[in-house]
Amino acid sequence: MSGQAVQASGVVKVRLAGDPASVESVALILWATGLEVLEQSEPRPSRRDPGIRAYLTARVLTGRKGRQP
């Protein structure tokens, strides 16, 4: 066994960076377009850019009709 965890089907990890209001807005938009946000990290200062960074773990909701990019 390699010791590496297997990602569950339909689950994605996303890194968001920007000003706090924009990061929260994008998290809500992702939910509205068919992703269930399972976990959101506490905002942390971004190391390279102004603003914050936050990490989301989300699952694609089946049977939900969202817009495709």
N, C-alpha and C. Protein backbone atom coordinates (compact mmCIF):
# COMPACT_ATOMS: atom_id res chain seq x y z
N MET A 1 0.85 -1.17 0.00
CA MET A 1 0.00 0.00 0.00
C MET A 1 0.90 1.24 0.00
N SER A 2 0.54 2.24 -0.80
CA SER A 2 1.40 3.41 -0.95
C SER A 2 1.26 4.41 0.20
N GLY A 3 0.18 4.33 0.96
CA GLY A 3 0.00 5.27 2.05
C GLY A 3 -0.67 6.56 1.62
N GLN A 4 -0.97 6.70 0.33
CA GLN A 4 -1.61 7.91 -0.16
C GLN A 4 -3.12 7.74 -0.10
N ALA A 5 -3.82 8.73 0.46
CA ALA A 5 -5.27 8.67 0.58
C ALA A 5 -5.92 8.78 -0.79
N VAL A 6 -7.02 8.09 -0.98
CA VAL A 6 -7.76 8.14 -2.23
C VAL A 6 -8.87 9.17 -2.08
N GLN A 7 -8.95 10.09 -3.05
CA GLN A 7 -9.98 11.12 -3.03
C GLN A 7 -11.33 10.50 -3.39
N ALA A 8 -12.35 10.81 -2.65
CA ALA A 8 -13.69 10.29 -2.92
C ALA A 8 -14.19 10.83 -4.26
N SER A 9 -14.95 10.02 -4.95
CA SER A 9 -15.50 10.41 -6.24
C SER A 9 -16.41 11.63 -6.08
N GLY A 10 -16.23 12.62 -6.94
CA GLY A 10 -17.06 13.82 -6.91
C GLY A 10 -16.60 14.88 -5.93
N VAL A 11 -15.51 14.63 -5.20
CA VAL A 11 -15.01 15.59 -4.22
C VAL A 11 -13.81 16.32 -4.81
N VAL A 12 -13.82 17.65 -4.66
CA VAL A 12 -12.72 18.48 -5.15
C VAL A 12 -12.21 19.36 -4.03
N LYS A 13 -10.95 19.75 -4.13
CA LYS A 13 -10.35 20.69 -3.18
C LYS A 13 -10.00 21.95 -3.97
N VAL A 14 -10.34 23.10 -3.41
CA VAL A 14 -10.20 24.38 -4.10
C VAL A 14 -9.49 25.37 -3.19
N ARG A 15 -8.54 26.12 -3.75
CA ARG A 15 -7.89 27.21 -3.00
C ARG A 15 -8.41 28.52 -3.56
N LEU A 16 -8.93 29.37 -2.69
CA LEU A 16 -9.42 30.69 -3.08
C LEU A 16 -8.49 31.74 -2.48
N ALA A 17 -8.25 32.80 -3.23
CA ALA A 17 -7.42 33.90 -2.72
C ALA A 17 -8.03 35.21 -3.17
N GLY A 18 -7.99 36.20 -2.30
CA GLY A 18 -8.52 37.52 -2.63
C GLY A 18 -8.94 38.23 -1.37
N ASP A 19 -9.78 39.28 -1.54
CA ASP A 19 -10.25 39.97 -0.35
C ASP A 19 -11.34 39.11 0.31
N PRO A 20 -11.53 39.24 1.62
CA PRO A 20 -12.43 38.34 2.35
C PRO A 20 -13.85 38.28 1.76
N ALA A 21 -14.42 39.41 1.38
CA ALA A 21 -15.79 39.41 0.85
C ALA A 21 -15.86 38.63 -0.47
N SER A 22 -14.86 38.79 -1.31
CA SER A 22 -14.85 38.09 -2.60
C SER A 22 -14.70 36.58 -2.41
N VAL A 23 -13.85 36.17 -1.49
CA VAL A 23 -13.67 34.74 -1.23
C VAL A 23 -14.99 34.13 -0.75
N GLU A 24 -15.68 34.80 0.14
CA GLU A 24 -16.97 34.29 0.63
C GLU A 24 -18.00 34.27 -0.50
N SER A 25 -18.01 35.29 -1.36
CA SER A 25 -18.94 35.32 -2.49
C SER A 25 -18.71 34.16 -3.44
N VAL A 26 -17.46 33.85 -3.73
CA VAL A 26 -17.16 32.74 -4.63
C VAL A 26 -17.58 31.41 -4.00
N ALA A 27 -17.40 31.25 -2.72
CA ALA A 27 -17.85 30.03 -2.05
C ALA A 27 -19.37 29.86 -2.22
N LEU A 28 -20.11 30.95 -2.09
CA LEU A 28 -21.57 30.89 -2.27
C LEU A 28 -21.94 30.60 -3.73
N ILE A 29 -21.20 31.18 -4.66
CA ILE A 29 -21.45 30.93 -6.09
C ILE A 29 -21.20 29.47 -6.42
N LEU A 30 -20.13 28.90 -5.90
CA LEU A 30 -19.85 27.49 -6.14
C LEU A 30 -20.99 26.62 -5.65
N TRP A 31 -21.52 26.92 -4.49
CA TRP A 31 -22.65 26.16 -3.96
C TRP A 31 -23.86 26.30 -4.89
N ALA A 32 -24.15 27.53 -5.33
CA ALA A 32 -25.32 27.77 -6.17
C ALA A 32 -25.22 27.09 -7.54
N THR A 33 -24.00 26.79 -7.98
CA THR A 33 -23.84 26.17 -9.29
C THR A 33 -23.70 24.66 -9.21
N GLY A 34 -23.92 24.07 -8.06
CA GLY A 34 -23.97 22.63 -7.97
C GLY A 34 -22.88 21.97 -7.16
N LEU A 35 -22.19 22.72 -6.31
CA LEU A 35 -21.20 22.12 -5.42
C LEU A 35 -21.66 22.27 -3.98
N GLU A 36 -21.55 21.22 -3.21
CA GLU A 36 -21.83 21.28 -1.79
C GLU A 36 -20.50 21.51 -1.06
N VAL A 37 -20.38 22.63 -0.37
CA VAL A 37 -19.14 22.92 0.36
C VAL A 37 -19.17 22.10 1.65
N LEU A 38 -18.26 21.14 1.73
CA LEU A 38 -18.18 20.24 2.89
C LEU A 38 -17.36 20.85 4.01
N GLU A 39 -16.33 21.59 3.64
CA GLU A 39 -15.41 22.15 4.63
C GLU A 39 -14.81 23.43 4.06
N GLN A 40 -14.68 24.43 4.91
CA GLN A 40 -14.00 25.67 4.52
C GLN A 40 -13.04 26.03 5.64
N SER A 41 -11.78 26.23 5.26
CA SER A 41 -10.78 26.58 6.27
C SER A 41 -10.99 28.00 6.76
N GLU A 42 -10.39 28.29 7.89
CA GLU A 42 -10.38 29.68 8.37
C GLU A 42 -9.53 30.50 7.41
N PRO A 43 -9.93 31.74 7.13
CA PRO A 43 -9.10 32.58 6.26
C PRO A 43 -7.73 32.82 6.88
N ARG A 44 -6.72 32.81 6.02
CA ARG A 44 -5.35 33.08 6.45
C ARG A 44 -4.78 34.18 5.56
N PRO A 45 -3.83 34.96 6.06
CA PRO A 45 -3.21 35.95 5.18
C PRO A 45 -2.53 35.26 4.01
N SER A 46 -2.67 35.83 2.84
CA SER A 46 -2.00 35.28 1.66
C SER A 46 -0.52 35.61 1.75
N ARG A 47 0.32 34.66 1.40
CA ARG A 47 1.76 34.88 1.52
C ARG A 47 2.32 35.76 0.42
N ARG A 48 1.79 35.60 -0.78
CA ARG A 48 2.37 36.32 -1.93
C ARG A 48 1.57 37.52 -2.38
N ASP A 49 0.28 37.49 -2.18
CA ASP A 49 -0.59 38.56 -2.69
C ASP A 49 -1.33 39.22 -1.53
N PRO A 50 -1.86 40.41 -1.78
CA PRO A 50 -2.68 41.03 -0.74
C PRO A 50 -3.95 40.21 -0.52
N GLY A 51 -4.54 40.33 0.63
CA GLY A 51 -5.79 39.63 0.90
C GLY A 51 -5.57 38.35 1.68
N ILE A 52 -6.53 37.46 1.54
CA ILE A 52 -6.52 36.21 2.29
C ILE A 52 -6.55 35.02 1.34
N ARG A 53 -6.37 33.84 1.93
CA ARG A 53 -6.56 32.60 1.19
C ARG A 53 -7.40 31.69 2.06
N ALA A 54 -8.20 30.87 1.42
CA ALA A 54 -9.03 29.90 2.12
C ALA A 54 -9.12 28.65 1.25
N TYR A 55 -9.31 27.53 1.89
CA TYR A 55 -9.37 26.25 1.18
C TYR A 55 -10.75 25.65 1.38
N LEU A 56 -11.32 25.14 0.30
CA LEU A 56 -12.63 24.49 0.35
C LEU A 56 -12.48 23.03 -0.03
N THR A 57 -13.27 22.20 0.59
CA THR A 57 -13.47 20.83 0.12
C THR A 57 -14.94 20.78 -0.27
N ALA A 58 -15.20 20.40 -1.51
CA ALA A 58 -16.58 20.42 -2.02
C ALA A 58 -16.89 19.13 -2.75
N ARG A 59 -18.20 18.85 -2.85
CA ARG A 59 -18.66 17.67 -3.57
C ARG A 59 -19.64 18.12 -4.64
N VAL A 60 -19.50 17.53 -5.82
CA VAL A 60 -20.43 17.80 -6.91
C VAL A 60 -21.75 17.13 -6.55
N LEU A 61 -22.82 17.91 -6.55
CA LEU A 61 -24.13 17.37 -6.22
C LEU A 61 -24.75 16.74 -7.46
N THR A 62 -25.15 15.53 -7.37
CA THR A 62 -25.78 14.85 -8.51
C THR A 62 -27.24 15.23 -8.58
N GLY A 63 -27.74 15.31 -9.80
CA GLY A 63 -29.14 15.65 -10.00
C GLY A 63 -29.44 17.12 -9.86
N ARG A 64 -28.42 17.93 -9.65
CA ARG A 64 -28.61 19.38 -9.52
C ARG A 64 -28.22 20.03 -10.82
N LYS A 65 -29.03 20.91 -11.33
CA LYS A 65 -28.76 21.53 -12.61
C LYS A 65 -28.13 22.90 -12.41
N GLY A 66 -26.86 22.97 -12.61
CA GLY A 66 -26.14 24.23 -12.55
C GLY A 66 -25.65 24.59 -13.93
N ARG A 67 -25.21 25.80 -14.11
CA ARG A 67 -24.66 26.23 -15.41
C ARG A 67 -23.26 25.70 -15.58
N GLN A 68 -22.94 25.31 -16.79
CA GLN A 68 -21.59 24.90 -17.10
C GLN A 68 -20.81 26.12 -17.57
N PRO A 69 -19.51 26.18 -17.23
CA PRO A 69 -18.72 27.34 -17.67
C PRO A 69 -18.54 27.35 -19.17
